[in-house]
C-alpha atoms as a PDB file:
ATOM      1  CA  UNK A   1       0.000   0.000   0.000  1.00  0.00           C
ATOM      2  CA  UNK A   2       0.956   3.583  -0.580  1.00  0.00           C
ATOM      3  CA  UNK A   3      -0.338   6.738   1.058  1.00  0.00           C
ATOM      4  CA  UNK A   4      -1.280   9.990  -0.603  1.00  0.00           C
ATOM      5  CA  UNK A   5      -1.555  13.134   1.492  1.00  0.00           C
ATOM      6  CA  UNK A   6      -3.209  16.384   0.441  1.00  0.00           C
ATOM      7  CA  UNK A   7      -2.048  19.441   2.380  1.00  0.00           C
ATOM      8  CA  UNK A   8      -5.157  21.478   1.606  1.00  0.00           C
ATOM      9  CA  UNK A   9      -8.521  21.467  -0.128  1.00  0.00           C
ATOM     10  CA  UNK A  10      -7.262  23.289  -3.221  1.00  0.00           C
ATOM     11  CA  UNK A  11      -4.581  20.670  -3.913  1.00  0.00           C
ATOM     12  CA  UNK A  12      -7.113  17.870  -3.355  1.00  0.00           C
ATOM     13  CA  UNK A  13      -9.617  19.485  -5.730  1.00  0.00           C
ATOM     14  CA  UNK A  14      -6.969  20.089  -8.398  1.00  0.00           C
ATOM     15  CA  UNK A  15      -5.877  16.443  -8.110  1.00  0.00           C
ATOM     16  CA  UNK A  16      -9.441  15.283  -8.635  1.00  0.00           C
ATOM     17  CA  UNK A  17      -9.898  17.623 -11.573  1.00  0.00           C
ATOM     18  CA  UNK A  18      -6.729  16.318 -13.255  1.00  0.00           C
ATOM     19  CA  UNK A  19      -7.651  12.698 -12.530  1.00  0.00           C
ATOM     20  CA  UNK A  20     -11.145  13.150 -13.959  1.00  0.00           C
ATOM     21  CA  UNK A  21      -9.706  14.765 -17.103  1.00  0.00           C
ATOM     22  CA  UNK A  22      -7.230  11.923 -17.579  1.00  0.00           C
ATOM     23  CA  UNK A  23     -10.004   9.380 -16.924  1.00  0.00           C
ATOM     24  CA  UNK A  24     -12.182  10.954 -19.635  1.00  0.00           C
ATOM     25  CA  UNK A  25      -9.326  10.832 -22.160  1.00  0.00           C
ATOM     26  CA  UNK A  26      -8.512   7.206 -21.298  1.00  0.00           C
ATOM     27  CA  UNK A  27     -12.197   6.253 -21.489  1.00  0.00           C
ATOM     28  CA  UNK A  28     -12.641   7.972 -24.851  1.00  0.00           C
ATOM     29  CA  UNK A  29      -9.453   6.357 -26.208  1.00  0.00           C
ATOM     30  CA  UNK A  30     -10.644   2.857 -25.308  1.00  0.00           C
ATOM     31  CA  UNK A  31     -10.111   1.461 -28.794  1.00  0.00           C
ATOM     32  CA  UNK A  32      -7.362  -1.062 -28.060  1.00  0.00           C
ATOM     33  CA  UNK A  33      -8.414  -4.714 -28.482  1.00  0.00           C
ATOM     34  CA  UNK A  34      -6.059  -5.539 -25.600  1.00  0.00           C
ATOM     35  CA  UNK A  35      -8.014  -3.152 -23.376  1.00  0.00           C
ATOM     36  CA  UNK A  36      -4.931  -1.197 -22.263  1.00  0.00           C
ATOM     37  CA  UNK A  37      -6.709   2.152 -22.354  1.00  0.00           C
ATOM     38  CA  UNK A  38      -9.704   0.577 -20.646  1.00  0.00           C
ATOM     39  CA  UNK A  39      -7.424  -0.643 -17.844  1.00  0.00           C
ATOM     40  CA  UNK A  40      -6.001   2.867 -17.491  1.00  0.00           C
ATOM     41  CA  UNK A  41      -9.496   4.361 -17.353  1.00  0.00           C
ATOM     42  CA  UNK A  42     -10.516   1.794 -14.737  1.00  0.00           C
ATOM     43  CA  UNK A  43      -7.440   2.530 -12.600  1.00  0.00           C
ATOM     44  CA  UNK A  44      -7.965   6.293 -12.819  1.00  0.00           C
ATOM     45  CA  UNK A  45     -11.598   5.789 -11.803  1.00  0.00           C
ATOM     46  CA  UNK A  46     -10.382   3.798  -8.793  1.00  0.00           C
ATOM     47  CA  UNK A  47      -8.009   6.646  -7.854  1.00  0.00           C
ATOM     48  CA  UNK A  48     -11.002   9.010  -7.799  1.00  0.00           C
ATOM     49  CA  UNK A  49     -12.947   6.603  -5.563  1.00  0.00           C
ATOM     50  CA  UNK A  50      -9.965   6.026  -3.228  1.00  0.00           C
ATOM     51  CA  UNK A  51      -9.398   9.765  -2.616  1.00  0.00           C
ATOM     52  CA  UNK A  52     -12.911  11.117  -2.011  1.00  0.00           C
ATOM     53  CA  UNK A  53     -13.129  14.890  -2.172  1.00  0.00           C
ATOM     54  CA  UNK A  54     -16.139  16.827  -0.947  1.00  0.00           C
ATOM     55  CA  UNK A  55     -15.674  20.553  -0.857  1.00  0.00           C
ATOM     56  CA  UNK A  56     -15.789  21.876   2.693  1.00  0.00           C
ATOM     57  CA  UNK A  57     -16.201  18.427   4.284  1.00  0.00           C
ATOM     58  CA  UNK A  58     -12.653  17.045   4.529  1.00  0.00           C
ATOM     59  CA  UNK A  59     -10.154  17.870   7.295  1.00  0.00           C
ATOM     60  CA  UNK A  60      -6.640  18.739   6.052  1.00  0.00           C
ATOM     61  CA  UNK A  61      -4.046  17.474   5.797  1.00  0.00           C
ATOM     62  CA  UNK A  62      -5.952  14.443   4.508  1.00  0.00           C
ATOM     63  CA  UNK A  63      -4.234  11.095   3.974  1.00  0.00           C
ATOM     64  CA  UNK A  64      -5.637   8.159   2.011  1.00  0.00           C
ATOM     65  CA  UNK A  65      -4.228   4.659   1.533  1.00  0.00           C
ATOM     66  CA  UNK A  66      -3.917   3.435  -2.043  1.00  0.00           C
ATOM     67  CA  UNK A  67      -3.511  -0.172  -3.137  1.00  0.00           C
ATOM     68  CA  UNK A  68      -0.382  -0.501  -5.283  1.00  0.00           C
ATOM     69  CA  UNK A  69      -2.518  -1.367  -8.306  1.00  0.00           C
ATOM     70  CA  UNK A  70      -3.779   2.222  -8.385  1.00  0.00           C
ATOM     71  CA  UNK A  71      -0.852   4.012  -6.721  1.00  0.00           C
ATOM     72  CA  UNK A  72       1.031   4.178 -10.023  1.00  0.00           C
ATOM     73  CA  UNK A  73      -1.993   5.828 -11.647  1.00  0.00           C
ATOM     74  CA  UNK A  74      -1.969   8.423  -8.826  1.00  0.00           C
ATOM     75  CA  UNK A  75       1.763   9.010  -9.430  1.00  0.00           C
ATOM     76  CA  UNK A  76       1.034   9.610 -13.123  1.00  0.00           C
ATOM     77  CA  UNK A  77      -1.644  12.159 -12.229  1.00  0.00           C
ATOM     78  CA  UNK A  78       0.734  13.957  -9.869  1.00  0.00           C
ATOM     79  CA  UNK A  79       3.496  13.975 -12.513  1.00  0.00           C
ATOM     80  CA  UNK A  80       1.079  15.589 -14.980  1.00  0.00           C
ATOM     81  CA  UNK A  81       0.137  18.186 -12.382  1.00  0.00           C
ATOM     82  CA  UNK A  82       3.797  19.041 -11.804  1.00  0.00           C
ATOM     83  CA  UNK A  83       4.368  19.304 -15.581  1.00  0.00           C
ATOM     84  CA  UNK A  84       1.368  21.614 -15.938  1.00  0.00           C
ATOM     85  CA  UNK A  85       2.483  23.720 -12.984  1.00  0.00           C
ATOM     86  CA  UNK A  86       5.279  25.311 -15.026  1.00  0.00           C
ATOM     87  CA  UNK A  87       2.760  26.738 -17.498  1.00  0.00           C
ATOM     88  CA  UNK A  88       0.529  28.067 -14.723  1.00  0.00           C
ATOM     89  CA  UNK A  89       3.417  29.528 -12.737  1.00  0.00           C
ATOM     90  CA  UNK A  90       4.716  31.429 -15.766  1.00  0.00           C
ATOM     91  CA  UNK A  91       1.307  32.845 -16.593  1.00  0.00           C
ATOM     92  CA  UNK A  92       0.057  33.460 -13.045  1.00  0.00           C
ATOM     93  CA  UNK A  93       3.227  34.018 -10.988  1.00  0.00           C
ATOM     94  CA  UNK A  94       1.408  36.412  -8.663  1.00  0.00           C
ATOM     95  CA  UNK A  95      -1.049  33.679  -7.597  1.00  0.00           C
ATOM     96  CA  UNK A  96       1.467  31.615  -5.583  1.00  0.00           C
ATOM     97  CA  UNK A  97       0.118  32.949  -2.272  1.00  0.00           C
ATOM     98  CA  UNK A  98      -3.524  32.473  -3.269  1.00  0.00           C
ATOM     99  CA  UNK A  99      -5.234  29.449  -1.668  1.00  0.00           C
ATOM    100  CA  UNK A 100      -7.322  29.113  -4.844  1.00  0.00           C
ATOM    101  CA  UNK A 101      -4.494  29.087  -7.405  1.00  0.00           C
ATOM    102  CA  UNK A 102      -4.800  26.735 -10.387  1.00  0.00           C
ATOM    103  CA  UNK A 103      -1.607  24.783  -9.641  1.00  0.00           C
ATOM    104  CA  UNK A 104       0.001  22.941  -6.748  1.00  0.00           C
ATOM    105  CA  UNK A 105       3.104  23.949  -4.839  1.00  0.00           C
ATOM    106  CA  UNK A 106       5.846  21.530  -3.800  1.00  0.00           C
ATOM    107  CA  UNK A 107       4.731  19.331  -0.922  1.00  0.00           C
ATOM    108  CA  UNK A 108       0.994  19.990  -1.267  1.00  0.00           C
ATOM    109  CA  UNK A 109       0.491  16.437  -2.534  1.00  0.00           C
ATOM    110  CA  UNK A 110       2.809  13.720  -1.254  1.00  0.00           C
ATOM    111  CA  UNK A 111       2.692  10.100  -2.387  1.00  0.00           C
ATOM    112  CA  UNK A 112       4.675   7.891  -0.001  1.00  0.00           C
ATOM    113  CA  UNK A 113       5.524   4.384  -1.152  1.00  0.00           C
ATOM    114  CA  UNK A 114       5.446   1.333   1.007  1.00  0.00           C
ATOM    115  CA  UNK A 115       3.272  -0.022   3.716  1.00  0.00           C
ATOM    116  CA  UNK A 116       4.227   0.402   7.340  1.00  0.00           C
ATOM    117  CA  UNK A 117       4.323  -2.927   9.168  1.00  0.00           C
ATOM    118  CA  UNK A 118       1.903  -3.689  11.958  1.00  0.00           C
ATOM    119  CA  UNK A 119       3.375  -4.297  15.424  1.00  0.00           C
ATOM    120  CA  UNK A 120       4.602  -7.893  15.700  1.00  0.00           C
ATOM    121  CA  UNK A 121       3.874  -8.643  12.046  1.00  0.00           C
ATOM    122  CA  UNK A 122       5.837 -11.408  10.326  1.00  0.00           C
ATOM    123  CA  UNK A 123       7.126 -11.340   6.758  1.00  0.00           C
ATOM    124  CA  UNK A 124       4.603 -14.061   5.883  1.00  0.00           C
ATOM    125  CA  UNK A 125       1.720 -11.787   6.927  1.00  0.00           C
ATOM    126  CA  UNK A 126       3.339  -8.674   5.461  1.00  0.00           C
ATOM    127  CA  UNK A 127       3.852 -10.360   2.074  1.00  0.00           C
ATOM    128  CA  UNK A 128       0.210 -11.488   2.083  1.00  0.00           C
ATOM    129  CA  UNK A 129      -1.115  -8.064   3.067  1.00  0.00           C
ATOM    130  CA  UNK A 130       1.001  -5.929   0.718  1.00  0.00           C
ATOM    131  CA  UNK A 131       1.052  -8.166  -2.359  1.00  0.00           C
ATOM    132  CA  UNK A 132      -2.302  -9.899  -1.900  1.00  0.00           C
ATOM    133  CA  UNK A 133      -0.712 -13.315  -2.317  1.00  0.00           C
ATOM    134  CA  UNK A 134       0.026 -15.958   0.317  1.00  0.00           C
ATOM    135  CA  UNK A 135       3.719 -16.923   0.151  1.00  0.00           C
ATOM    136  CA  UNK A 136       4.571 -20.607  -0.278  1.00  0.00           C
ATOM    137  CA  UNK A 137       7.333 -20.506   2.360  1.00  0.00           C
ATOM    138  CA  UNK A 138       5.614 -21.132   5.699  1.00  0.00           C
ATOM    139  CA  UNK A 139       8.891 -20.472   7.571  1.00  0.00           C
ATOM    140  CA  UNK A 140       8.348 -16.766   6.857  1.00  0.00           C
ATOM    141  CA  UNK A 141       5.926 -16.924   9.804  1.00  0.00           C
ATOM    142  CA  UNK A 142       9.049 -17.092  11.989  1.00  0.00           C
ATOM    143  CA  UNK A 143      10.641 -13.949  10.520  1.00  0.00           C
ATOM    144  CA  UNK A 144       9.541 -10.687  12.186  1.00  0.00           C
ATOM    145  CA  UNK A 145       9.413  -7.595   9.984  1.00  0.00           C
ATOM    146  CA  UNK A 146      11.151  -5.792  12.881  1.00  0.00           C
ATOM    147  CA  UNK A 147      14.478  -7.587  12.358  1.00  0.00           C
ATOM    148  CA  UNK A 148      17.445  -6.845  10.071  1.00  0.00           C
ATOM    149  CA  UNK A 149      16.496  -9.614   7.644  1.00  0.00           C
ATOM    150  CA  UNK A 150      12.810  -8.695   7.940  1.00  0.00           C
ATOM    151  CA  UNK A 151      13.655  -5.093   7.095  1.00  0.00           C
ATOM    152  CA  UNK A 152      15.429  -6.215   3.899  1.00  0.00           C
ATOM    153  CA  UNK A 153      12.481  -8.442   3.013  1.00  0.00           C
ATOM    154  CA  UNK A 154       9.882  -5.719   3.644  1.00  0.00           C
ATOM    155  CA  UNK A 155      11.797  -3.288   1.397  1.00  0.00           C
ATOM    156  CA  UNK A 156      11.860  -5.932  -1.351  1.00  0.00           C
ATOM    157  CA  UNK A 157       8.118  -6.531  -0.912  1.00  0.00           C
ATOM    158  CA  UNK A 158       7.391  -2.794  -1.129  1.00  0.00           C
ATOM    159  CA  UNK A 159       9.565  -2.477  -4.245  1.00  0.00           C
ATOM    160  CA  UNK A 160       7.722  -5.411  -5.819  1.00  0.00           C
ATOM    161  CA  UNK A 161       4.375  -3.798  -5.001  1.00  0.00           C
ATOM    162  CA  UNK A 162       5.455  -0.590  -6.756  1.00  0.00           C
ATOM    163  CA  UNK A 163       6.702  -2.531  -9.795  1.00  0.00           C
ATOM    164  CA  UNK A 164       3.509  -4.596  -9.980  1.00  0.00           C
ATOM    165  CA  UNK A 165       1.427  -1.420  -9.782  1.00  0.00           C
ATOM    166  CA  UNK A 166       3.449   0.250 -12.556  1.00  0.00           C
ATOM    167  CA  UNK A 167       3.251  -2.852 -14.736  1.00  0.00           C
ATOM    168  CA  UNK A 168      -0.516  -3.148 -14.268  1.00  0.00           C
ATOM    169  CA  UNK A 169      -0.940   0.526 -15.120  1.00  0.00           C
ATOM    170  CA  UNK A 170       1.091   0.116 -18.322  1.00  0.00           C
ATOM    171  CA  UNK A 171       0.052  -3.288 -19.644  1.00  0.00           C
ATOM    172  CA  UNK A 172      -2.576  -4.716 -17.320  1.00  0.00           C
ATOM    173  CA  UNK A 173      -2.154  -7.744 -15.039  1.00  0.00           C
ATOM    174  CA  UNK A 174      -0.396 -10.029 -17.560  1.00  0.00           C
ATOM    175  CA  UNK A 175       3.003  -9.900 -15.731  1.00  0.00           C
ATOM    176  CA  UNK A 176       1.655 -10.052 -12.172  1.00  0.00           C
ATOM    177  CA  UNK A 177       2.400 -13.750 -11.587  1.00  0.00           C
ATOM    178  CA  UNK A 178       5.983 -13.391 -12.851  1.00  0.00           C
ATOM    179  CA  UNK A 179       6.605 -10.357 -10.641  1.00  0.00           C
ATOM    180  CA  UNK A 180       5.111 -12.099  -7.607  1.00  0.00           C
ATOM    181  CA  UNK A 181       7.432 -15.064  -8.241  1.00  0.00           C
ATOM    182  CA  UNK A 182      10.433 -12.707  -8.404  1.00  0.00           C
ATOM    183  CA  UNK A 183       9.345 -11.073  -5.138  1.00  0.00           C
ATOM    184  CA  UNK A 184       8.978 -14.474  -3.447  1.00  0.00           C
ATOM    185  CA  UNK A 185      12.417 -15.563  -4.711  1.00  0.00           C
ATOM    186  CA  UNK A 186      14.033 -12.330  -3.510  1.00  0.00           C
ATOM    187  CA  UNK A 187      12.524 -12.764  -0.025  1.00  0.00           C
ATOM    188  CA  UNK A 188      13.652 -16.431  -0.026  1.00  0.00           C
ATOM    189  CA  UNK A 189      17.243 -15.411  -0.799  1.00  0.00           C
ATOM    190  CA  UNK A 190      17.247 -12.799   1.975  1.00  0.00           C
ATOM    191  CA  UNK A 191      15.800 -15.299   4.450  1.00  0.00           C
ATOM    192  CA  UNK A 192      17.563 -18.529   3.524  1.00  0.00           C
ATOM    193  CA  UNK A 193      20.612 -17.210   1.656  1.00  0.00           C
END
């Protein structure tokens, strides 16, 4: 899982506006027989649902948890917002202090990768929770996340979750099983050598 934090209502609203615009383009471009654009539209729609914005009703800063499958879509939205910011800043440089400006400032939207472990959690449980797959190695139940080896394993699991999310955003779920196998093998090597 990944978290996304909005510093204020304006940044949250701008994020939703950008996401909705990208969703409409992806939906309208859904002409690929492989459904790639349809997958992108679906993921962008899930980003909108996972970060509900209701003007005047949300307390800020507001943090939402995103499954890795849609976190990469959220990163793409944020990257587009940062790209667009340059145009807005050049045209409306005097608006930087306005709470209603049409662009975000650095730090107003933060996407933090990884999932913090739960107290006492083992790598077996962490792998299952973060990647949505039960590992085959039952001995991982003996390995606490809060150990040097567990720390290495949890970083590998988080990296795999990011890669799986990026892959699913780009080409759909067709590489998921391969990437899960690589993650399991990496954790096995850390644990068993």
